[in-house]
């Protein structure tokens, strides 16, 4: 799939050097970074402003979309946090939300 800006440059017969000046960098702001906590603590985290995943179950049941994602470098525990570990009987965040929804 083509980026619309790339298509525009192709149609204008501009050279590839012009395309390279377009920045695709993104900046993100995080509400909370968790360190040394259990998956259950992440799932149920609540502060004065909002809660994390546990607060999504009711809106999803009312027809709203909800998204939970884990972000970080390889090997930092994203899969473990989201899916858990069957052998250690640790539930992941996605399993906990599904349990609440069902």
Protein backbone atom coordinates (compact mmCIF):
# COMPACT_ATOMS: atom_id res chain seq x y z
CA UNK A 1 0.00 0.00 0.00
CA UNK A 2 1.28 3.44 -0.87
CA UNK A 3 1.50 6.41 1.42
CA UNK A 4 -0.71 9.20 -0.08
CA UNK A 5 2.22 11.61 0.12
CA UNK A 6 4.39 9.18 -1.87
CA UNK A 7 1.68 8.99 -4.54
CA UNK A 8 1.53 12.76 -4.69
CA UNK A 9 5.30 12.99 -5.22
CA UNK A 10 5.19 10.28 -7.90
CA UNK A 11 2.44 12.10 -9.79
CA UNK A 12 4.37 15.38 -9.61
CA UNK A 13 7.51 13.65 -10.95
CA UNK A 14 9.54 14.87 -7.97
CA UNK A 15 12.70 12.99 -7.19
CA UNK A 16 13.07 10.60 -4.27
CA UNK A 17 15.19 13.10 -2.34
CA UNK A 18 12.13 15.29 -1.78
CA UNK A 19 10.27 12.39 -0.18
CA UNK A 20 13.08 11.74 2.28
CA UNK A 21 12.58 15.14 3.90
CA UNK A 22 9.16 14.12 5.19
CA UNK A 23 9.36 13.14 8.86
CA UNK A 24 7.43 10.09 10.03
CA UNK A 25 8.57 10.42 13.63
CA UNK A 26 5.83 10.13 16.24
CA UNK A 27 5.81 11.39 19.80
CA UNK A 28 3.83 9.68 22.53
CA UNK A 29 2.84 10.60 26.07
CA UNK A 30 2.24 7.86 28.60
CA UNK A 31 -0.12 8.13 31.54
CA UNK A 32 1.65 5.47 33.59
CA UNK A 33 4.71 3.25 33.37
CA UNK A 34 4.50 0.10 35.48
CA UNK A 35 7.55 -1.44 37.10
CA UNK A 36 7.72 -4.45 39.41
CA UNK A 37 3.96 -5.01 39.67
CA UNK A 38 1.75 -8.02 38.97
CA UNK A 39 -0.56 -8.33 35.96
CA UNK A 40 -3.54 -8.05 38.32
CA UNK A 41 -2.18 -4.78 39.69
CA UNK A 42 -1.80 -3.44 36.15
CA UNK A 43 -5.31 -4.59 35.27
CA UNK A 44 -6.96 -3.01 38.30
CA UNK A 45 -4.77 0.12 38.58
CA UNK A 46 -6.82 3.13 39.58
CA UNK A 47 -5.75 6.70 40.23
CA UNK A 48 -7.72 9.89 40.82
CA UNK A 49 -8.29 10.48 37.10
CA UNK A 50 -8.81 7.10 35.44
CA UNK A 51 -8.32 3.39 35.68
CA UNK A 52 -6.61 1.01 33.30
CA UNK A 53 -8.08 -2.14 31.78
CA UNK A 54 -10.70 -3.00 34.41
CA UNK A 55 -12.63 0.12 33.47
CA UNK A 56 -13.04 -1.02 29.86
CA UNK A 57 -15.31 -4.03 30.51
CA UNK A 58 -18.53 -2.09 31.09
CA UNK A 59 -18.16 0.33 28.14
CA UNK A 60 -17.34 -2.61 25.83
CA UNK A 61 -20.52 -4.34 26.97
CA UNK A 62 -22.38 -1.12 26.12
CA UNK A 63 -21.08 -1.16 22.54
CA UNK A 64 -17.96 0.98 22.75
CA UNK A 65 -14.60 -0.11 21.37
CA UNK A 66 -11.71 -0.59 23.77
CA UNK A 67 -8.01 -1.10 23.17
CA UNK A 68 -5.26 -2.24 25.48
CA UNK A 69 -1.71 -2.47 24.20
CA UNK A 70 1.74 -3.09 25.57
CA UNK A 71 4.60 -1.07 24.17
CA UNK A 72 8.32 -1.50 24.61
CA UNK A 73 11.51 -3.09 23.35
CA UNK A 74 11.88 -6.80 22.68
CA UNK A 75 12.22 -8.90 25.81
CA UNK A 76 10.58 -6.49 28.26
CA UNK A 77 7.55 -8.65 29.10
CA UNK A 78 4.80 -7.41 26.78
CA UNK A 79 3.59 -10.91 25.86
CA UNK A 80 3.76 -12.05 29.48
CA UNK A 81 1.74 -9.02 30.58
CA UNK A 82 -0.92 -9.44 27.90
CA UNK A 83 -1.18 -13.26 27.82
CA UNK A 84 0.25 -14.43 31.14
CA UNK A 85 1.94 -17.78 31.69
CA UNK A 86 -0.09 -20.99 31.74
CA UNK A 87 2.64 -23.05 33.46
CA UNK A 88 2.98 -20.55 36.31
CA UNK A 89 -0.81 -20.03 36.40
CA UNK A 90 -0.43 -16.29 35.89
CA UNK A 91 -3.31 -14.62 34.04
CA UNK A 92 -2.54 -11.93 31.51
CA UNK A 93 -4.34 -8.64 31.13
CA UNK A 94 -6.28 -9.85 28.08
CA UNK A 95 -7.49 -12.94 29.98
CA UNK A 96 -8.55 -10.81 32.95
CA UNK A 97 -10.63 -8.47 30.77
CA UNK A 98 -12.24 -11.39 28.92
CA UNK A 99 -13.15 -12.93 32.29
CA UNK A 100 -14.81 -9.66 33.33
CA UNK A 101 -16.70 -9.34 30.05
CA UNK A 102 -17.96 -12.92 30.14
